[in-house]
Amino acid sequence: MSRRIIGLTGGIATGKTTVSHYLSQTYHIPIIDADLLAKQAVEIGSPILDEIRLRYGNNILFPDGTLNRKKLGEIIFNNPAEKIWLENQIHPYVRNRIQAKLKELNEQAIVLVIPLLFEAKMTDLVSEIWVVYCSPEEQIRRLMKRDQLTQEQAIKRIQNQWSIEEKKALADVILENSRPEQLFKQIDQVFS
């Protein structure tokens, strides 16, 4: 039997973490989170953080040497060329770490949480694609609350990803996330 490698994606703040936590806790499926790997890519002492500092200057770092993500976000979400440059630094690292982790795991089902699954061209790493979504209004509200953003900043971040309709069109499983109990029922139906 071939391994089931679920690529979990969706828009920013649509509920990927809720889905992955449920899969982990209820079905004991290992989770590999691309966002966590991307954070590791820019830890103090990493070559990628050094490249970022060289490109944007020392003021992109906090006094303790860690990356000021908010400041970096203001740069990349207002300049498509800078966003591409940054992704070209981080995506190869994330892909390599995912591949290494997949080799370490022997489980028959694994979830890869990759917000930019399509944008980063990582669909070849998965056997099926799950897309979680919510209404645009709810997505903006969640993102503003979670990241303390203005409505304009939240919309700009959402617009920097593929549209949810594009992602849904390529999905094997589509999960609507307006209410957690309904979301969990949808997940259970896929696993029953």
N, C-alpha and C. Protein backbone atom coordinates (compact mmCIF):
# COMPACT_ATOMS: atom_id res chain seq x y z
N MET A 1 0.84 -1.19 0.00
CA MET A 1 0.00 0.00 0.00
C MET A 1 0.88 1.24 0.00
N SER A 2 0.60 2.17 -0.89
CA SER A 2 1.42 3.37 -0.94
C SER A 2 1.01 4.33 0.18
N ARG A 3 1.95 5.18 0.54
CA ARG A 3 1.71 6.12 1.62
C ARG A 3 0.73 7.19 1.20
N ARG A 4 -0.06 7.61 2.15
CA ARG A 4 -1.00 8.71 1.94
C ARG A 4 -0.32 9.96 2.47
N ILE A 5 0.07 10.84 1.56
CA ILE A 5 0.71 12.10 1.97
C ILE A 5 -0.25 13.23 1.58
N ILE A 6 -0.88 13.78 2.60
CA ILE A 6 -1.89 14.82 2.41
C ILE A 6 -1.21 16.18 2.40
N GLY A 7 -1.40 16.92 1.34
CA GLY A 7 -0.94 18.29 1.27
C GLY A 7 -2.08 19.18 1.70
N LEU A 8 -1.98 19.73 2.91
CA LEU A 8 -3.03 20.59 3.46
C LEU A 8 -2.67 22.04 3.18
N THR A 9 -3.57 22.72 2.48
CA THR A 9 -3.33 24.11 2.14
C THR A 9 -4.64 24.88 2.23
N GLY A 10 -4.60 26.12 1.83
CA GLY A 10 -5.75 27.01 1.88
C GLY A 10 -5.24 28.43 1.94
N GLY A 11 -6.12 29.35 2.11
CA GLY A 11 -5.68 30.73 2.25
C GLY A 11 -5.13 30.99 3.64
N ILE A 12 -4.47 32.11 3.79
CA ILE A 12 -3.96 32.53 5.08
C ILE A 12 -5.16 32.71 6.03
N ALA A 13 -5.05 32.18 7.24
CA ALA A 13 -6.07 32.33 8.29
C ALA A 13 -7.41 31.67 7.93
N THR A 14 -7.36 30.55 7.19
CA THR A 14 -8.61 29.85 6.85
C THR A 14 -8.84 28.63 7.73
N GLY A 15 -7.83 28.19 8.48
CA GLY A 15 -8.04 27.08 9.40
C GLY A 15 -7.14 25.88 9.21
N LYS A 16 -6.01 26.05 8.55
CA LYS A 16 -5.09 24.92 8.33
C LYS A 16 -4.61 24.33 9.66
N THR A 17 -4.31 25.19 10.62
CA THR A 17 -3.84 24.72 11.91
C THR A 17 -4.93 23.94 12.64
N THR A 18 -6.16 24.41 12.56
CA THR A 18 -7.28 23.70 13.19
C THR A 18 -7.40 22.30 12.60
N VAL A 19 -7.31 22.19 11.27
CA VAL A 19 -7.42 20.89 10.61
C VAL A 19 -6.24 20.00 11.00
N SER A 20 -5.03 20.52 10.97
CA SER A 20 -3.86 19.69 11.27
C SER A 20 -3.87 19.22 12.72
N HIS A 21 -4.28 20.09 13.65
CA HIS A 21 -4.36 19.68 15.06
C HIS A 21 -5.38 18.56 15.23
N TYR A 22 -6.51 18.69 14.56
CA TYR A 22 -7.55 17.66 14.66
C TYR A 22 -7.05 16.33 14.11
N LEU A 23 -6.40 16.37 12.94
CA LEU A 23 -5.86 15.14 12.36
C LEU A 23 -4.81 14.50 13.26
N SER A 24 -4.00 15.32 13.87
CA SER A 24 -2.95 14.83 14.76
C SER A 24 -3.56 14.21 16.02
N GLN A 25 -4.49 14.93 16.66
CA GLN A 25 -5.04 14.48 17.93
C GLN A 25 -6.03 13.34 17.77
N THR A 26 -6.86 13.39 16.72
CA THR A 26 -7.91 12.39 16.55
C THR A 26 -7.42 11.14 15.84
N TYR A 27 -6.60 11.32 14.82
CA TYR A 27 -6.15 10.19 14.00
C TYR A 27 -4.67 9.85 14.19
N HIS A 28 -3.98 10.64 15.03
CA HIS A 28 -2.56 10.40 15.36
C HIS A 28 -1.68 10.38 14.11
N ILE A 29 -1.97 11.30 13.21
CA ILE A 29 -1.20 11.43 11.97
C ILE A 29 -0.08 12.43 12.20
N PRO A 30 1.15 12.09 11.83
CA PRO A 30 2.24 13.05 11.96
C PRO A 30 2.02 14.26 11.05
N ILE A 31 2.41 15.41 11.56
CA ILE A 31 2.26 16.67 10.84
C ILE A 31 3.64 17.25 10.56
N ILE A 32 3.86 17.64 9.33
CA ILE A 32 5.06 18.40 8.97
C ILE A 32 4.57 19.78 8.53
N ASP A 33 4.98 20.80 9.26
CA ASP A 33 4.47 22.15 9.04
C ASP A 33 5.51 23.02 8.34
N ALA A 34 5.21 23.42 7.11
CA ALA A 34 6.16 24.22 6.32
C ALA A 34 6.43 25.58 6.96
N ASP A 35 5.44 26.15 7.66
CA ASP A 35 5.67 27.44 8.32
C ASP A 35 6.74 27.32 9.41
N LEU A 36 6.70 26.22 10.16
CA LEU A 36 7.73 26.03 11.20
C LEU A 36 9.11 25.86 10.56
N LEU A 37 9.15 25.14 9.45
CA LEU A 37 10.43 24.97 8.75
C LEU A 37 10.93 26.30 8.19
N ALA A 38 10.01 27.13 7.70
CA ALA A 38 10.41 28.44 7.18
C ALA A 38 10.96 29.33 8.30
N LYS A 39 10.42 29.18 9.50
CA LYS A 39 10.95 29.94 10.64
C LYS A 39 12.34 29.45 11.00
N GLN A 40 12.56 28.13 10.93
CA GLN A 40 13.90 27.59 11.19
C GLN A 40 14.91 28.10 10.17
N ALA A 41 14.43 28.33 8.95
CA ALA A 41 15.32 28.78 7.87
C ALA A 41 15.96 30.12 8.17
N VAL A 42 15.30 30.93 9.03
CA VAL A 42 15.81 32.28 9.31
C VAL A 42 16.20 32.47 10.77
N GLU A 43 16.55 31.36 11.44
CA GLU A 43 17.02 31.47 12.82
C GLU A 43 18.40 32.13 12.86
N ILE A 44 18.73 32.66 14.01
CA ILE A 44 20.03 33.31 14.19
C ILE A 44 21.14 32.35 13.77
N GLY A 45 22.07 32.86 12.97
CA GLY A 45 23.20 32.06 12.51
C GLY A 45 22.96 31.34 11.19
N SER A 46 21.72 31.39 10.69
CA SER A 46 21.45 30.69 9.43
C SER A 46 21.96 31.49 8.24
N PRO A 47 22.41 30.82 7.18
CA PRO A 47 22.87 31.53 5.99
C PRO A 47 21.76 32.37 5.35
N ILE A 48 20.51 31.91 5.46
CA ILE A 48 19.41 32.66 4.85
C ILE A 48 19.19 33.97 5.60
N LEU A 49 19.28 33.95 6.93
CA LEU A 49 19.13 35.19 7.70
C LEU A 49 20.27 36.15 7.34
N ASP A 50 21.46 35.62 7.14
CA ASP A 50 22.59 36.47 6.73
C ASP A 50 22.31 37.14 5.39
N GLU A 51 21.74 36.39 4.45
CA GLU A 51 21.40 36.95 3.13
C GLU A 51 20.34 38.05 3.26
N ILE A 52 19.35 37.81 4.11
CA ILE A 52 18.30 38.82 4.33
C ILE A 52 18.90 40.09 4.92
N ARG A 53 19.79 39.92 5.90
CA ARG A 53 20.43 41.09 6.51
C ARG A 53 21.28 41.85 5.50
N LEU A 54 22.00 41.11 4.66
CA LEU A 54 22.82 41.77 3.63
C LEU A 54 21.95 42.56 2.65
N ARG A 55 20.79 42.02 2.34
CA ARG A 55 19.91 42.67 1.35
C ARG A 55 19.20 43.89 1.93
N TYR A 56 18.73 43.79 3.18
CA TYR A 56 17.88 44.85 3.74
C TYR A 56 18.54 45.66 4.85
N GLY A 57 19.71 45.26 5.27
CA GLY A 57 20.39 46.01 6.32
C GLY A 57 20.09 45.48 7.71
N ASN A 58 20.87 45.95 8.69
CA ASN A 58 20.73 45.48 10.07
C ASN A 58 19.40 45.86 10.70
N ASN A 59 18.74 46.90 10.15
CA ASN A 59 17.48 47.33 10.76
C ASN A 59 16.33 46.33 10.50
N ILE A 60 16.60 45.27 9.73
CA ILE A 60 15.60 44.22 9.52
C ILE A 60 15.62 43.24 10.71
N LEU A 61 16.62 43.41 11.60
CA LEU A 61 16.76 42.54 12.77
C LEU A 61 16.39 43.28 14.04
N PHE A 62 15.90 42.53 15.02
CA PHE A 62 15.71 43.07 16.37
C PHE A 62 17.09 43.18 17.02
N PRO A 63 17.20 43.94 18.12
CA PRO A 63 18.52 44.07 18.79
C PRO A 63 19.15 42.73 19.19
N ASP A 64 18.31 41.71 19.45
CA ASP A 64 18.87 40.40 19.83
C ASP A 64 19.32 39.57 18.62
N GLY A 65 19.18 40.14 17.41
CA GLY A 65 19.65 39.45 16.21
C GLY A 65 18.60 38.62 15.50
N THR A 66 17.40 38.52 16.08
CA THR A 66 16.33 37.77 15.41
C THR A 66 15.66 38.63 14.35
N LEU A 67 15.03 37.97 13.41
CA LEU A 67 14.39 38.64 12.28
C LEU A 67 13.13 39.38 12.73
N ASN A 68 13.01 40.62 12.28
CA ASN A 68 11.78 41.40 12.52
C ASN A 68 10.82 41.06 11.38
N ARG A 69 9.98 40.06 11.60
CA ARG A 69 9.07 39.57 10.56
C ARG A 69 8.08 40.62 10.09
N LYS A 70 7.65 41.45 11.02
CA LYS A 70 6.68 42.49 10.65
C LYS A 70 7.31 43.47 9.66
N LYS A 71 8.54 43.86 9.93
CA LYS A 71 9.25 44.79 9.04
C LYS A 71 9.51 44.13 7.68
N LEU A 72 9.91 42.85 7.71
CA LEU A 72 10.14 42.13 6.46
C LEU A 72 8.83 42.00 5.68
N GLY A 73 7.74 41.73 6.39
CA GLY A 73 6.43 41.63 5.74
C GLY A 73 6.04 42.90 5.03
N GLU A 74 6.34 44.04 5.65
CA GLU A 74 6.02 45.32 5.01
C GLU A 74 6.79 45.49 3.70
N ILE A 75 8.00 44.96 3.65
CA ILE A 75 8.80 45.05 2.42
C ILE A 75 8.22 44.12 1.35
N ILE A 76 8.06 42.84 1.70
CA ILE A 76 7.72 41.87 0.66
C ILE A 76 6.27 41.96 0.20
N PHE A 77 5.36 42.39 1.09
CA PHE A 77 3.97 42.46 0.66
C PHE A 77 3.66 43.76 -0.09
N ASN A 78 4.68 44.63 -0.21
CA ASN A 78 4.52 45.85 -0.99
C ASN A 78 5.42 45.86 -2.22
N ASN A 79 6.17 44.76 -2.43
CA ASN A 79 7.09 44.72 -3.56
C ASN A 79 7.19 43.28 -4.06
N PRO A 80 6.48 42.95 -5.13
CA PRO A 80 6.48 41.56 -5.64
C PRO A 80 7.87 41.00 -5.93
N ALA A 81 8.77 41.82 -6.42
CA ALA A 81 10.12 41.33 -6.73
C ALA A 81 10.86 40.91 -5.46
N GLU A 82 10.66 41.63 -4.39
CA GLU A 82 11.30 41.28 -3.12
C GLU A 82 10.68 40.01 -2.53
N LYS A 83 9.38 39.84 -2.72
CA LYS A 83 8.71 38.62 -2.26
C LYS A 83 9.27 37.41 -2.99
N ILE A 84 9.47 37.53 -4.29
CA ILE A 84 10.04 36.44 -5.09
C ILE A 84 11.46 36.13 -4.62
N TRP A 85 12.25 37.20 -4.38
CA TRP A 85 13.63 36.99 -3.91
C TRP A 85 13.63 36.20 -2.61
N LEU A 86 12.79 36.61 -1.65
CA LEU A 86 12.75 35.95 -0.35
C LEU A 86 12.30 34.49 -0.50
N GLU A 87 11.27 34.26 -1.29
CA GLU A 87 10.79 32.89 -1.49
C GLU A 87 11.86 32.01 -2.13
N ASN A 88 12.68 32.58 -3.01
CA ASN A 88 13.76 31.82 -3.63
C ASN A 88 14.84 31.44 -2.62
N GLN A 89 14.90 32.15 -1.52
CA GLN A 89 15.83 31.79 -0.44
C GLN A 89 15.25 30.68 0.43
N ILE A 90 13.96 30.82 0.77
CA ILE A 90 13.35 29.97 1.79
C ILE A 90 12.76 28.67 1.23
N HIS A 91 12.09 28.73 0.07
CA HIS A 91 11.40 27.53 -0.43
C HIS A 91 12.32 26.32 -0.64
N PRO A 92 13.52 26.47 -1.21
CA PRO A 92 14.38 25.29 -1.35
C PRO A 92 14.74 24.65 0.00
N TYR A 93 14.99 25.50 1.00
CA TYR A 93 15.28 24.99 2.34
C TYR A 93 14.10 24.18 2.87
N VAL A 94 12.90 24.74 2.75
CA VAL A 94 11.70 24.08 3.26
C VAL A 94 11.48 22.75 2.52
N ARG A 95 11.61 22.75 1.21
CA ARG A 95 11.44 21.53 0.42
C ARG A 95 12.42 20.45 0.89
N ASN A 96 13.69 20.81 1.05
CA ASN A 96 14.71 19.84 1.49
C ASN A 96 14.39 19.26 2.86
N ARG A 97 13.93 20.11 3.78
CA ARG A 97 13.60 19.66 5.13
C ARG A 97 12.38 18.74 5.10
N ILE A 98 11.38 19.07 4.28
CA ILE A 98 10.20 18.21 4.17
C ILE A 98 10.61 16.84 3.64
N GLN A 99 11.42 16.82 2.59
CA GLN A 99 11.86 15.55 2.01
C GLN A 99 12.64 14.72 3.03
N ALA A 100 13.48 15.36 3.81
CA ALA A 100 14.25 14.65 4.83
C ALA A 100 13.33 14.08 5.90
N LYS A 101 12.34 14.86 6.32
CA LYS A 101 11.40 14.38 7.35
C LYS A 101 10.55 13.23 6.83
N LEU A 102 10.15 13.30 5.55
CA LEU A 102 9.36 12.21 4.97
C LEU A 102 10.15 10.90 4.98
N LYS A 103 11.45 10.99 4.77
CA LYS A 103 12.30 9.79 4.79
C LYS A 103 12.41 9.21 6.20
N GLU A 104 12.34 10.08 7.21
CA GLU A 104 12.46 9.63 8.60
C GLU A 104 11.20 8.94 9.11
N LEU A 105 10.04 9.29 8.54
CA LEU A 105 8.76 8.77 9.03
C LEU A 105 8.35 7.51 8.29
N ASN A 106 7.79 6.55 9.03
CA ASN A 106 7.34 5.30 8.43
C ASN A 106 5.83 5.16 8.38
N GLU A 107 5.10 6.14 8.92
CA GLU A 107 3.65 6.07 8.99
C GLU A 107 3.04 6.02 7.59
N GLN A 108 1.87 5.38 7.50
CA GLN A 108 1.17 5.25 6.23
C GLN A 108 0.45 6.53 5.82
N ALA A 109 0.16 7.41 6.79
CA ALA A 109 -0.47 8.70 6.48
C ALA A 109 0.33 9.81 7.16
N ILE A 110 0.58 10.85 6.40
CA ILE A 110 1.34 12.01 6.90
C ILE A 110 0.67 13.25 6.32
N VAL A 111 0.62 14.30 7.11
CA VAL A 111 0.06 15.57 6.64
C VAL A 111 1.18 16.59 6.50
N LEU A 112 1.28 17.17 5.32
CA LEU A 112 2.19 18.29 5.09
C LEU A 112 1.34 19.55 5.06
N VAL A 113 1.52 20.42 6.02
CA VAL A 113 0.80 21.69 6.04
C VAL A 113 1.68 22.69 5.29
N ILE A 114 1.25 23.02 4.07
CA ILE A 114 2.05 23.91 3.22
C ILE A 114 1.14 25.02 2.70
N PRO A 115 1.13 26.18 3.37
CA PRO A 115 0.26 27.27 2.94
C PRO A 115 0.46 27.63 1.46
N LEU A 116 1.70 27.60 1.00
CA LEU A 116 2.01 27.98 -0.38
C LEU A 116 2.29 26.73 -1.23
N LEU A 117 1.49 25.69 -1.04
CA LEU A 117 1.68 24.43 -1.75
C LEU A 117 1.78 24.63 -3.26
N PHE A 118 0.86 25.40 -3.81
CA PHE A 118 0.85 25.64 -5.25
C PHE A 118 1.89 26.68 -5.65
N GLU A 119 1.93 27.77 -4.90
CA GLU A 119 2.84 28.86 -5.23
C GLU A 119 4.30 28.42 -5.18
N ALA A 120 4.62 27.54 -4.23
CA ALA A 120 6.00 27.06 -4.08
C ALA A 120 6.29 25.81 -4.92
N LYS A 121 5.30 25.41 -5.71
CA LYS A 121 5.45 24.25 -6.60
C LYS A 121 5.89 23.00 -5.83
N MET A 122 5.15 22.68 -4.77
CA MET A 122 5.47 21.51 -3.96
C MET A 122 4.40 20.42 -4.05
N THR A 123 3.52 20.52 -5.03
CA THR A 123 2.45 19.51 -5.16
C THR A 123 3.01 18.12 -5.46
N ASP A 124 4.21 18.05 -6.01
CA ASP A 124 4.82 16.75 -6.31
C ASP A 124 5.19 15.97 -5.05
N LEU A 125 5.18 16.63 -3.90
CA LEU A 125 5.54 15.96 -2.65
C LEU A 125 4.36 15.22 -2.02
N VAL A 126 3.14 15.43 -2.55
CA VAL A 126 1.94 14.89 -1.90
C VAL A 126 1.18 13.94 -2.81
N SER A 127 0.36 13.08 -2.19
CA SER A 127 -0.47 12.15 -2.97
C SER A 127 -1.91 12.67 -3.10
N GLU A 128 -2.28 13.62 -2.25
CA GLU A 128 -3.61 14.23 -2.35
C GLU A 128 -3.55 15.64 -1.76
N ILE A 129 -4.47 16.47 -2.24
CA ILE A 129 -4.47 17.88 -1.82
C ILE A 129 -5.79 18.20 -1.13
N TRP A 130 -5.68 18.73 0.09
CA TRP A 130 -6.85 19.19 0.84
C TRP A 130 -6.76 20.71 0.93
N VAL A 131 -7.88 21.38 0.63
CA VAL A 131 -7.94 22.83 0.73
C VAL A 131 -9.01 23.19 1.77
N VAL A 132 -8.62 23.98 2.75
CA VAL A 132 -9.56 24.49 3.75
C VAL A 132 -9.80 25.96 3.45
N TYR A 133 -11.07 26.36 3.56
CA TYR A 133 -11.40 27.75 3.25
C TYR A 133 -12.52 28.23 4.17
N CYS A 134 -12.69 29.54 4.19
CA CYS A 134 -13.81 30.17 4.88
C CYS A 134 -14.21 31.37 4.03
N SER A 135 -15.22 32.09 4.45
CA SER A 135 -15.65 33.26 3.66
C SER A 135 -14.55 34.32 3.67
N PRO A 136 -14.48 35.13 2.62
CA PRO A 136 -13.45 36.20 2.59
C PRO A 136 -13.56 37.14 3.79
N GLU A 137 -14.78 37.44 4.20
CA GLU A 137 -14.96 38.35 5.34
C GLU A 137 -14.39 37.74 6.62
N GLU A 138 -14.67 36.46 6.81
CA GLU A 138 -14.17 35.75 8.00
C GLU A 138 -12.64 35.65 7.94
N GLN A 139 -12.11 35.40 6.77
CA GLN A 139 -10.66 35.29 6.60
C GLN A 139 -9.99 36.61 6.98
N ILE A 140 -10.51 37.71 6.49
CA ILE A 140 -9.94 39.03 6.82
C ILE A 140 -10.03 39.29 8.32
N ARG A 141 -11.19 38.99 8.91
CA ARG A 141 -11.39 39.22 10.34
C ARG A 141 -10.39 38.40 11.16
N ARG A 142 -10.23 37.12 10.82
CA ARG A 142 -9.30 36.24 11.55
C ARG A 142 -7.86 36.74 11.42
N LEU A 143 -7.49 37.12 10.21
CA LEU A 143 -6.12 37.56 9.97
C LEU A 143 -5.81 38.85 10.71
N MET A 144 -6.76 39.79 10.69
CA MET A 144 -6.57 41.05 11.41
C MET A 144 -6.38 40.78 12.90
N LYS A 145 -7.21 39.91 13.45
CA LYS A 145 -7.13 39.59 14.88
C LYS A 145 -5.85 38.84 15.21
N ARG A 146 -5.53 37.81 14.42
CA ARG A 146 -4.37 36.97 14.71
C ARG A 146 -3.06 37.74 14.65
N ASP A 147 -2.88 38.55 13.59
CA ASP A 147 -1.60 39.21 13.35
C ASP A 147 -1.60 40.70 13.67
N GLN A 148 -2.67 41.18 14.31
CA GLN A 148 -2.81 42.61 14.62
C GLN A 148 -2.53 43.48 13.39
N LEU A 149 -3.29 43.21 12.32
CA LEU A 149 -3.13 43.95 11.07
C LEU A 149 -4.32 44.86 10.83
N THR A 150 -4.09 45.88 10.03
CA THR A 150 -5.22 46.69 9.57
C THR A 150 -5.95 45.89 8.49
N GLN A 151 -7.14 46.32 8.13
CA GLN A 151 -7.88 45.63 7.08
C GLN A 151 -7.09 45.68 5.77
N GLU A 152 -6.50 46.82 5.48
CA GLU A 152 -5.71 46.96 4.24
C GLU A 152 -4.52 46.00 4.23
N GLN A 153 -3.82 45.87 5.36
CA GLN A 153 -2.68 44.96 5.44
C GLN A 153 -3.13 43.51 5.27
N ALA A 154 -4.25 43.16 5.89
CA ALA A 154 -4.77 41.80 5.80
C ALA A 154 -5.13 41.47 4.35
N ILE A 155 -5.82 42.37 3.69
CA ILE A 155 -6.23 42.15 2.29
C ILE A 155 -5.00 42.00 1.40
N LYS A 156 -3.97 42.80 1.64
CA LYS A 156 -2.75 42.73 0.83
C LYS A 156 -2.08 41.36 0.98
N ARG A 157 -2.06 40.82 2.20
CA ARG A 157 -1.46 39.51 2.41
C ARG A 157 -2.27 38.41 1.73
N ILE A 158 -3.58 38.52 1.81
CA ILE A 158 -4.45 37.54 1.15
C ILE A 158 -4.25 37.59 -0.36
N GLN A 159 -4.13 38.78 -0.91
CA GLN A 159 -3.97 38.94 -2.35
C GLN A 159 -2.60 38.49 -2.85
N ASN A 160 -1.65 38.30 -1.93
CA ASN A 160 -0.31 37.83 -2.31
C ASN A 160 -0.25 36.32 -2.47
N GLN A 161 -1.37 35.63 -2.26
CA GLN A 161 -1.44 34.19 -2.46
C GLN A 161 -2.38 33.91 -3.62
N TRP A 162 -2.32 32.69 -4.11
CA TRP A 162 -3.32 32.27 -5.10
C TRP A 162 -4.69 32.46 -4.49
N SER A 163 -5.70 32.71 -5.31
CA SER A 163 -7.05 32.84 -4.79
C SER A 163 -7.53 31.48 -4.29
N ILE A 164 -8.44 31.50 -3.32
CA ILE A 164 -8.95 30.25 -2.77
C ILE A 164 -9.70 29.47 -3.85
N GLU A 165 -10.31 30.16 -4.80
CA GLU A 165 -11.03 29.47 -5.88
C GLU A 165 -10.06 28.69 -6.77
N GLU A 166 -8.89 29.25 -7.04
CA GLU A 166 -7.86 28.54 -7.81
C GLU A 166 -7.41 27.28 -7.07
N LYS A 167 -7.23 27.41 -5.76
CA LYS A 167 -6.79 26.27 -4.96
C LYS A 167 -7.87 25.20 -4.90
N LYS A 168 -9.11 25.62 -4.70
CA LYS A 168 -10.22 24.66 -4.61
C LYS A 168 -10.37 23.87 -5.91
N ALA A 169 -10.11 24.53 -7.03
CA ALA A 169 -10.25 23.86 -8.34
C ALA A 169 -9.25 22.71 -8.49
N LEU A 170 -8.14 22.74 -7.75
CA LEU A 170 -7.10 21.71 -7.85
C LEU A 170 -7.12 20.73 -6.67
N ALA A 171 -8.10 20.86 -5.81
CA ALA A 171 -8.15 20.06 -4.58
C ALA A 171 -8.80 18.71 -4.80
N ASP A 172 -8.34 17.72 -4.03
CA ASP A 172 -9.00 16.42 -3.95
C ASP A 172 -10.08 16.45 -2.88
N VAL A 173 -9.84 17.22 -1.82
CA VAL A 173 -10.78 17.37 -0.72
C VAL A 173 -10.91 18.86 -0.42
N ILE A 174 -12.15 19.34 -0.29
CA ILE A 174 -12.40 20.75 0.05
C ILE A 174 -13.13 20.78 1.38
N LEU A 175 -12.58 21.52 2.33
CA LEU A 175 -13.14 21.63 3.68
C LEU A 175 -13.60 23.06 3.92
N GLU A 176 -14.87 23.21 4.22
CA GLU A 176 -15.42 24.54 4.51
C GLU A 176 -15.34 24.76 6.01
N ASN A 177 -14.74 25.88 6.42
CA ASN A 177 -14.47 26.12 7.84
C ASN A 177 -15.16 27.36 8.36
N SER A 178 -16.47 27.28 8.51
CA SER A 178 -17.16 28.39 9.17
C SER A 178 -17.45 28.05 10.62
N ARG A 179 -17.64 26.74 10.93
CA ARG A 179 -17.89 26.30 12.30
C ARG A 179 -17.06 25.04 12.57
N PRO A 180 -16.30 25.02 13.67
CA PRO A 180 -15.41 23.88 13.93
C PRO A 180 -16.12 22.53 13.92
N GLU A 181 -17.30 22.42 14.53
CA GLU A 181 -17.96 21.11 14.59
C GLU A 181 -18.30 20.60 13.19
N GLN A 182 -18.68 21.48 12.29
CA GLN A 182 -18.96 21.09 10.90
C GLN A 182 -17.67 20.71 10.18
N LEU A 183 -16.63 21.45 10.46
CA LEU A 183 -15.31 21.17 9.87
C LEU A 183 -14.85 19.76 10.27
N PHE A 184 -14.97 19.43 11.55
CA PHE A 184 -14.52 18.13 12.04
C PHE A 184 -15.35 17.00 11.43
N LYS A 185 -16.65 17.22 11.24
CA LYS A 185 -17.50 16.21 10.59
C LYS A 185 -17.03 15.95 9.16
N GLN A 186 -16.66 17.00 8.46
CA GLN A 186 -16.16 16.85 7.09
C GLN A 186 -14.88 16.01 7.08
N ILE A 187 -13.99 16.28 8.02
CA ILE A 187 -12.73 15.52 8.12
C ILE A 187 -13.04 14.06 8.41
N ASP A 188 -13.93 13.82 9.35
CA ASP A 188 -14.29 12.44 9.72
C ASP A 188 -14.87 11.68 8.52
N GLN A 189 -15.65 12.36 7.70
CA GLN A 189 -16.23 11.71 6.52
C GLN A 189 -15.15 11.27 5.55
N VAL A 190 -14.11 12.06 5.41
CA VAL A 190 -13.01 11.71 4.51
C VAL A 190 -12.25 10.50 5.05
N PHE A 191 -12.16 10.38 6.38
CA PHE A 191 -11.41 9.28 6.99
C PHE A 191 -12.24 8.05 7.32
N SER A 192 -13.58 8.12 7.11
CA SER A 192 -14.42 6.97 7.49
C SER A 192 -14.44 5.91 6.40
